[in-house]
Amino acid sequence: MAVGVIGGGAWGTALAMHAARGGHPTTLWARETEVVESINRDRENKVFLAGHKVPDNMKATGDLSECLAQSQLVLMVVPTQFVKGVMAGIAGEIREDHIFVCCAKGIHTETLETVNEIMESVMPENVHHRFAYLSGPSFAKDVAEGCYTAVTVAAKDENVAKQVQEQLSTPRFRCYRSTDVVGVELGGALKNVLAIACGICDGLKFGDNARAALITRGLSEITRLAVAKGANPLTLGGLSGMGDLVLTCTGDLSRNRTVGIKIGQGQKLSEILASTNTVAEGVYTCRAAYNLAKKEDVDVPIIEGIFKILNEDADPEEVVHKCMTRELKEEVAKEVMDAAAEAAMEAVG
């Protein structure tokens, strides 16, 4: 199956390399002319993923129509805030055999839509069943190097999820499948906010105990918000939830954790963002997550605290003190317990 990749950043390039190594003729579309030229001329993306040679059966183009025409399996790897514009521009070029796999992780800052909701809002209804979503612990550099990786592919139609799973799985890149699109999407999006929190924790040298507490209680917040949106809470204990959260909150390659470390060390967010050409989705997802939680009436003190640090210049130590001195309560929220029990009954029934 020919593969097209829309997005020439580090993650898009790594996924294109993976697809090509798996035997799929692969065409990558990039907005940046220098990325296209670098891949085709030098056989590497010197702008976003320098030092990693691309396979011979992978090429780049600046023509999005060409990318679509030459592919059947299309991986969408553009930042969440740009998904709507890109998809609206190609809606008239979708064929009956196209399958779209969205690999972006985020929530739209203005509409509060997940990527699935964005895709369905701009694409013809007759293609909605051919949308899938890939998420899980997967740094671009590791995938480019062929390191062992496991991810989740979710689609509302399990046959589509299975087809994508079979096409993208290799002995070094294992895909599990799911029909819980909401859970897989929100796990991947919200973990970026918690990675900033853990980075701030590390930058301030709060210690390993504090980081472990942030990861665990952060997962609790992600689960509560995902359940409010209709997710299966068990999904958040898997690769797209706990797996991605642990990697992003502890890995040195995490862009979001790096942003947090620099904030913890006293740098201003504007200075940090101006010094890099990569996207830390958590910076934008944080505002959306905070507003989505308010809309759904879900208690998310850590996400709220990070929102105030990033957007209101709140003092991190004061935010931590406020979280630690809140009213004492049970560890697992009742609505999550009820949803987990219902999911378990469905699994055995």
Protein backbone atom coordinates (compact mmCIF):
# COMPACT_ATOMS: atom_id res chain seq x y z
CA MET A 1 0.00 0.00 0.00
CA ALA A 2 1.46 3.36 -1.04
CA VAL A 3 1.79 5.79 1.86
CA GLY A 4 1.53 9.56 1.85
CA VAL A 5 2.65 11.66 4.81
CA ILE A 6 1.27 15.18 5.20
CA GLY A 7 3.73 17.16 7.32
CA GLY A 8 7.50 17.43 7.06
CA GLY A 9 8.47 17.96 10.69
CA ALA A 10 10.51 15.51 12.75
CA TRP A 11 7.54 13.24 13.55
CA GLY A 12 6.21 13.24 10.00
CA THR A 13 9.66 12.46 8.62
CA ALA A 14 10.21 9.65 11.13
CA LEU A 15 6.86 8.05 10.28
CA ALA A 16 7.60 8.36 6.57
CA MET A 17 10.95 6.64 7.12
CA HIS A 18 9.23 3.88 9.06
CA ALA A 19 6.62 3.34 6.35
CA ALA A 20 9.29 3.24 3.64
CA ARG A 21 11.41 0.78 5.62
CA GLY A 22 8.29 -1.39 5.87
CA GLY A 23 8.22 -1.69 2.09
CA HIS A 24 5.64 0.99 1.28
CA PRO A 25 6.45 3.48 -1.49
CA THR A 26 6.23 6.72 0.51
CA THR A 27 5.67 10.34 -0.50
CA LEU A 28 6.07 13.06 2.12
CA TRP A 29 4.50 16.48 1.64
CA ALA A 30 6.21 19.42 3.35
CA ARG A 31 5.27 23.09 3.31
CA GLU A 32 8.91 24.16 3.58
CA THR A 33 10.80 24.14 0.28
CA GLU A 34 14.07 23.55 2.10
CA VAL A 35 12.70 20.35 3.64
CA VAL A 36 11.63 18.99 0.25
CA GLU A 37 14.97 19.83 -1.33
CA SER A 38 16.96 18.44 1.59
CA ILE A 39 15.16 15.08 1.53
CA ASN A 40 15.31 14.65 -2.24
CA ARG A 41 18.85 15.96 -2.69
CA ASP A 42 20.66 15.00 0.52
CA ARG A 43 18.44 12.06 1.58
CA GLU A 44 17.76 13.54 5.02
CA ASN A 45 15.59 16.23 6.59
CA LYS A 46 18.34 18.59 7.66
CA VAL A 47 15.83 21.13 8.96
CA PHE A 48 13.92 19.01 11.50
CA LEU A 49 15.58 15.58 11.72
CA ALA A 50 19.22 15.99 10.75
CA GLY A 51 21.55 13.00 10.71
CA HIS A 52 18.99 10.37 9.72
CA LYS A 53 19.19 9.11 6.13
CA VAL A 54 15.83 8.35 4.51
CA PRO A 55 15.18 5.10 2.58
CA ASP A 56 15.49 5.01 -1.21
CA ASN A 57 11.74 4.41 -1.68
CA MET A 58 10.83 7.67 0.09
CA LYS A 59 10.56 11.02 -1.64
CA ALA A 60 9.33 14.51 -0.74
CA THR A 61 7.09 16.94 -2.59
CA GLY A 62 5.72 20.44 -2.12
CA ASP A 63 2.59 19.52 -4.09
CA LEU A 64 -0.13 18.22 -1.77
CA SER A 65 -2.26 16.97 -4.67
CA GLU A 66 0.69 14.87 -5.86
CA CYS A 67 1.10 13.37 -2.40
CA LEU A 68 -2.57 12.36 -2.28
CA ALA A 69 -2.64 11.05 -5.85
CA GLN A 70 0.30 8.73 -5.19
CA SER A 71 -0.93 7.27 -1.88
CA GLN A 72 -3.69 5.17 -0.41
CA LEU A 73 -2.77 5.27 3.28
CA VAL A 74 -2.39 8.92 4.29
CA LEU A 75 -0.73 9.91 7.57
CA MET A 76 -1.75 13.38 8.80
CA VAL A 77 1.17 14.79 10.79
CA VAL A 78 0.54 18.53 11.02
CA PRO A 79 0.06 20.46 14.29
CA THR A 80 -3.51 20.27 15.56
CA GLN A 81 -4.19 23.97 15.02
CA PHE A 82 -3.57 23.53 11.26
CA VAL A 83 -5.47 20.27 10.67
CA LYS A 84 -8.74 21.99 9.73
CA GLY A 85 -7.15 24.22 7.09
CA VAL A 86 -5.17 21.41 5.51
CA MET A 87 -8.07 18.95 5.45
CA ALA A 88 -10.53 21.53 4.11
CA GLY A 89 -8.12 22.18 1.26
CA ILE A 90 -8.02 18.54 0.16
CA ALA A 91 -11.62 17.49 0.83
CA GLY A 92 -12.42 17.48 -2.88
CA GLU A 93 -9.47 15.19 -3.72
CA ILE A 94 -10.33 12.27 -1.44
CA ARG A 95 -10.71 8.93 -3.20
CA GLU A 96 -12.80 5.96 -2.11
CA ASP A 97 -9.68 3.95 -1.30
CA HIS A 98 -8.01 6.59 0.89
CA ILE A 99 -7.54 5.79 4.58
CA PHE A 100 -6.48 8.67 6.81
CA VAL A 101 -4.40 8.14 9.94
CA CYS A 102 -4.08 11.25 12.08
CA CYS A 103 -0.87 11.34 14.10
CA ALA A 104 -1.27 14.83 15.61
CA LYS A 105 -1.82 15.15 19.36
CA GLY A 106 -3.76 18.14 20.60
CA ILE A 107 -7.03 20.02 21.07
CA HIS A 108 -8.03 23.04 19.02
CA THR A 109 -7.46 26.13 21.16
CA GLU A 110 -10.57 28.00 19.98
CA THR A 111 -13.19 25.36 19.23
CA LEU A 112 -11.97 22.82 21.85
CA GLU A 113 -12.39 20.10 19.23
CA THR A 114 -10.29 16.96 19.21
CA VAL A 115 -8.60 16.04 15.95
CA ASN A 116 -11.36 13.51 15.23
CA GLU A 117 -13.99 16.20 15.67
CA ILE A 118 -12.04 18.55 13.43
CA MET A 119 -11.65 15.90 10.72
CA GLU A 120 -15.34 15.03 10.78
CA SER A 121 -16.36 18.69 10.65
CA VAL A 122 -14.57 19.38 7.36
CA MET A 123 -14.60 16.04 5.53
CA PRO A 124 -17.53 14.40 3.70
CA GLU A 125 -19.55 12.10 5.95
CA ASN A 126 -19.08 9.14 3.64
CA VAL A 127 -15.34 9.00 4.49
CA HIS A 128 -15.62 9.36 8.29
CA HIS A 129 -15.43 5.61 8.81
CA ARG A 130 -11.99 5.61 7.13
CA PHE A 131 -10.35 7.83 9.77
CA ALA A 132 -7.88 6.31 12.22
CA TYR A 133 -5.69 7.82 14.94
CA LEU A 134 -2.20 6.78 15.99
CA SER A 135 -0.85 7.57 19.45
CA GLY A 136 1.51 6.17 22.05
CA PRO A 137 5.05 6.53 23.44
CA SER A 138 7.06 7.30 20.32
CA PHE A 139 9.82 9.89 20.08
CA ALA A 140 10.57 10.82 16.47
CA LYS A 141 14.31 10.24 16.86
CA ASP A 142 13.81 6.70 18.18
CA VAL A 143 11.42 5.80 15.38
CA ALA A 144 13.82 7.25 12.79
CA GLU A 145 16.59 5.09 14.24
CA GLY A 146 14.41 1.99 14.15
CA CYS A 147 14.24 1.56 17.93
CA TYR A 148 11.63 -0.83 19.32
CA THR A 149 8.32 1.02 19.67
CA ALA A 150 4.69 0.15 20.49
CA VAL A 151 1.70 2.38 19.73
CA THR A 152 -2.10 2.26 19.55
CA VAL A 153 -4.17 2.73 16.40
CA ALA A 154 -7.79 3.68 17.07
CA ALA A 155 -10.71 3.86 14.67
CA LYS A 156 -14.46 3.76 15.15
CA ASP A 157 -14.55 0.99 12.55
CA GLU A 158 -12.46 -1.87 13.92
CA ASN A 159 -11.80 -3.19 10.41
CA VAL A 160 -10.12 0.11 9.54
CA ALA A 161 -8.08 -0.03 12.76
CA LYS A 162 -7.02 -3.57 11.91
CA GLN A 163 -6.06 -2.63 8.36
CA VAL A 164 -3.88 0.26 9.54
CA GLN A 165 -2.42 -1.93 12.27
CA GLU A 166 -1.38 -4.55 9.73
CA GLN A 167 0.07 -2.03 7.29
CA LEU A 168 2.19 -0.15 9.84
CA SER A 169 3.34 -2.96 12.13
CA THR A 170 6.87 -4.33 11.77
CA PRO A 171 9.12 -6.40 14.06
CA ARG A 172 10.36 -3.08 15.53
CA PHE A 173 7.12 -1.08 15.47
CA ARG A 174 4.16 -2.91 16.99
CA CYS A 175 0.65 -1.49 16.66
CA TYR A 176 -2.22 -2.42 18.97
CA ARG A 177 -5.76 -1.52 17.93
CA SER A 178 -8.71 0.09 19.69
CA THR A 179 -12.14 1.51 18.89
CA ASP A 180 -11.91 4.09 21.69
CA VAL A 181 -11.00 7.09 19.54
CA VAL A 182 -11.84 9.60 22.31
CA GLY A 183 -9.63 7.91 24.90
CA VAL A 184 -6.68 7.45 22.56
CA GLU A 185 -6.88 11.04 21.33
CA LEU A 186 -7.23 12.71 24.72
CA GLY A 187 -4.50 10.58 26.29
CA GLY A 188 -2.11 11.72 23.57
CA ALA A 189 -3.17 15.36 23.74
CA LEU A 190 -3.34 15.96 27.47
CA LYS A 191 -0.09 14.21 28.39
CA ASN A 192 1.79 17.10 26.76
CA VAL A 193 0.44 19.48 29.41
CA LEU A 194 1.57 17.16 32.18
CA ALA A 195 5.01 16.89 30.57
CA ILE A 196 5.39 20.66 30.97
CA ALA A 197 4.39 20.25 34.63
CA CYS A 198 7.03 17.54 35.15
CA GLY A 199 9.63 19.68 33.41
CA ILE A 200 8.90 22.57 35.76
CA CYS A 201 9.16 20.12 38.66
CA ASP A 202 12.57 18.95 37.43
CA GLY A 203 13.74 22.49 36.69
CA LEU A 204 12.93 23.50 40.25
CA LYS A 205 14.55 20.30 41.59
CA PHE A 206 11.45 19.25 43.50
CA GLY A 207 12.67 15.63 43.49
CA ASP A 208 11.68 12.22 42.17
CA ASN A 209 8.75 11.83 44.58
CA ALA A 210 7.15 14.98 43.24
CA ARG A 211 7.58 13.87 39.63
CA ALA A 212 5.98 10.50 40.37
CA ALA A 213 3.08 12.23 42.10
CA LEU A 214 2.60 14.57 39.14
CA ILE A 215 2.53 11.71 36.65
CA THR A 216 0.07 9.67 38.70
CA ARG A 217 -2.29 12.49 39.64
CA GLY A 218 -1.93 13.91 36.15
CA LEU A 219 -3.15 10.61 34.73
CA SER A 220 -6.11 10.86 37.09
CA GLU A 221 -7.00 14.27 35.63
CA ILE A 222 -6.59 13.02 32.06
CA THR A 223 -8.84 10.05 32.83
CA ARG A 224 -11.57 12.17 34.45
CA LEU A 225 -11.68 14.54 31.49
CA ALA A 226 -11.57 11.71 28.94
CA VAL A 227 -14.39 9.85 30.70
CA ALA A 228 -16.47 13.04 30.69
CA LYS A 229 -16.04 13.06 26.90
CA GLY A 230 -17.13 9.43 26.61
CA ALA A 231 -13.84 7.51 26.78
CA ASN A 232 -13.29 4.10 28.31
CA PRO A 233 -11.13 4.69 31.43
CA LEU A 234 -9.21 1.48 30.78
CA THR A 235 -7.80 3.02 27.59
CA LEU A 236 -5.92 5.58 29.68
CA GLY A 237 -3.99 2.78 31.38
CA GLY A 238 -2.59 1.72 28.00
CA LEU A 239 0.01 2.94 25.54
CA SER A 240 -1.84 6.10 24.49
CA GLY A 241 -2.43 7.06 28.13
CA MET A 242 0.04 5.90 30.76
CA GLY A 243 2.64 4.83 28.20
CA ASP A 244 2.83 8.16 26.39
CA LEU A 245 2.56 10.08 29.66
CA VAL A 246 5.52 8.31 31.27
CA LEU A 247 7.72 8.75 28.20
CA THR A 248 6.91 12.42 27.71
CA CYS A 249 7.22 13.28 31.39
CA THR A 250 10.60 11.59 31.86
CA GLY A 251 12.36 11.45 28.48
CA ASP A 252 15.14 13.88 27.65
CA LEU A 253 13.87 14.13 24.04
CA SER A 254 10.49 15.51 25.16
CA ARG A 255 9.95 19.00 23.75
CA ASN A 256 7.20 19.71 26.27
CA ARG A 257 9.26 18.58 29.26
CA THR A 258 12.15 20.71 27.97
CA VAL A 259 9.89 23.77 27.90
CA GLY A 260 8.90 23.04 31.49
CA ILE A 261 12.50 22.61 32.65
CA LYS A 262 13.41 26.01 31.21
CA ILE A 263 10.42 27.65 32.90
CA GLY A 264 11.43 26.01 36.18
CA GLN A 265 14.92 27.46 35.69
CA GLY A 266 13.47 30.95 35.37
CA GLN A 267 13.17 31.51 31.62
CA LYS A 268 10.14 33.26 30.12
CA LEU A 269 7.84 31.24 27.88
CA SER A 270 8.08 33.79 25.05
CA GLU A 271 11.87 33.50 25.07
CA ILE A 272 11.73 29.71 25.04
CA LEU A 273 9.34 29.56 22.08
CA ALA A 274 11.35 32.14 20.12
CA SER A 275 14.50 30.05 20.45
CA THR A 276 13.21 26.89 18.71
CA ASN A 277 11.77 25.88 15.34
CA THR A 278 9.86 22.90 16.76
CA VAL A 279 6.34 22.80 18.18
CA ALA A 280 5.64 21.96 21.83
CA GLU A 281 1.94 21.10 21.50
CA GLY A 282 1.40 21.23 25.26
CA VAL A 283 1.78 25.01 25.30
CA TYR A 284 -1.30 25.36 23.09
CA THR A 285 -3.16 22.31 24.39
CA CYS A 286 -2.92 23.67 27.94
CA ARG A 287 -5.35 26.53 27.27
CA ALA A 288 -7.71 24.22 25.40
CA ALA A 289 -7.56 21.57 28.13
CA TYR A 290 -8.26 24.17 30.84
CA ASN A 291 -11.27 25.53 28.95
CA LEU A 292 -12.52 22.05 28.03
CA ALA A 293 -12.40 21.00 31.69
CA LYS A 294 -14.44 24.06 32.64
CA LYS A 295 -16.94 23.27 29.89
CA GLU A 296 -17.27 19.65 31.08
CA ASP A 297 -17.21 20.68 34.78
CA VAL A 298 -14.21 18.44 35.54
CA ASP A 299 -11.78 19.19 38.39
CA VAL A 300 -8.21 19.43 36.99
CA PRO A 301 -6.03 21.31 39.50
CA ILE A 302 -2.69 20.39 37.87
CA ILE A 303 -3.82 21.41 34.39
CA GLU A 304 -5.31 24.58 35.84
CA GLY A 305 -2.04 25.33 37.61
CA ILE A 306 0.02 24.89 34.43
CA PHE A 307 -2.43 27.12 32.57
CA LYS A 308 -1.89 29.87 35.13
CA ILE A 309 1.91 29.48 35.04
CA LEU A 310 1.98 29.71 31.23
CA ASN A 311 -0.68 32.36 30.73
CA GLU A 312 -0.89 34.38 33.95
CA ASP A 313 2.73 34.24 35.11
CA ALA A 314 1.75 32.40 38.28
CA ASP A 315 4.55 31.34 40.60
CA PRO A 316 5.16 27.55 40.27
CA GLU A 317 5.83 27.06 43.99
CA GLU A 318 2.59 28.80 44.89
CA VAL A 319 0.72 26.63 42.40
CA VAL A 320 2.19 23.47 43.96
CA HIS A 321 1.32 24.68 47.47
CA LYS A 322 -2.27 25.29 46.40
CA CYS A 323 -2.54 21.80 44.92
CA MET A 324 -1.04 20.14 47.98
CA THR A 325 -3.28 21.95 50.47
CA ARG A 326 -6.59 21.35 48.71
CA GLU A 327 -9.43 19.58 50.51
CA LEU A 328 -8.50 15.93 51.16
CA LYS A 329 -10.48 13.42 49.09
CA GLU A 330 -10.62 9.87 47.69
CA GLU A 331 -7.96 8.81 45.20
CA VAL A 332 -10.24 7.60 42.38
CA ALA A 333 -13.25 9.71 41.44
CA LYS A 334 -16.63 7.96 41.59
CA GLU A 335 -17.42 8.68 37.95
CA VAL A 336 -14.20 6.95 36.90
CA MET A 337 -14.91 3.95 39.12
CA ASP A 338 -18.41 3.65 37.64
CA ALA A 339 -17.11 3.94 34.08
CA ALA A 340 -14.42 1.33 34.74
CA ALA A 341 -16.96 -1.07 36.22
CA GLU A 342 -19.24 -0.58 33.21
CA ALA A 343 -16.32 -1.18 30.82
CA ALA A 344 -15.35 -4.35 32.69
CA MET A 345 -18.92 -5.67 32.52
CA GLU A 346 -19.00 -5.01 28.76
CA ALA A 347 -15.69 -6.83 28.33
CA VAL A 348 -16.90 -10.01 30.03
CA GLY A 349 -20.47 -9.80 28.75
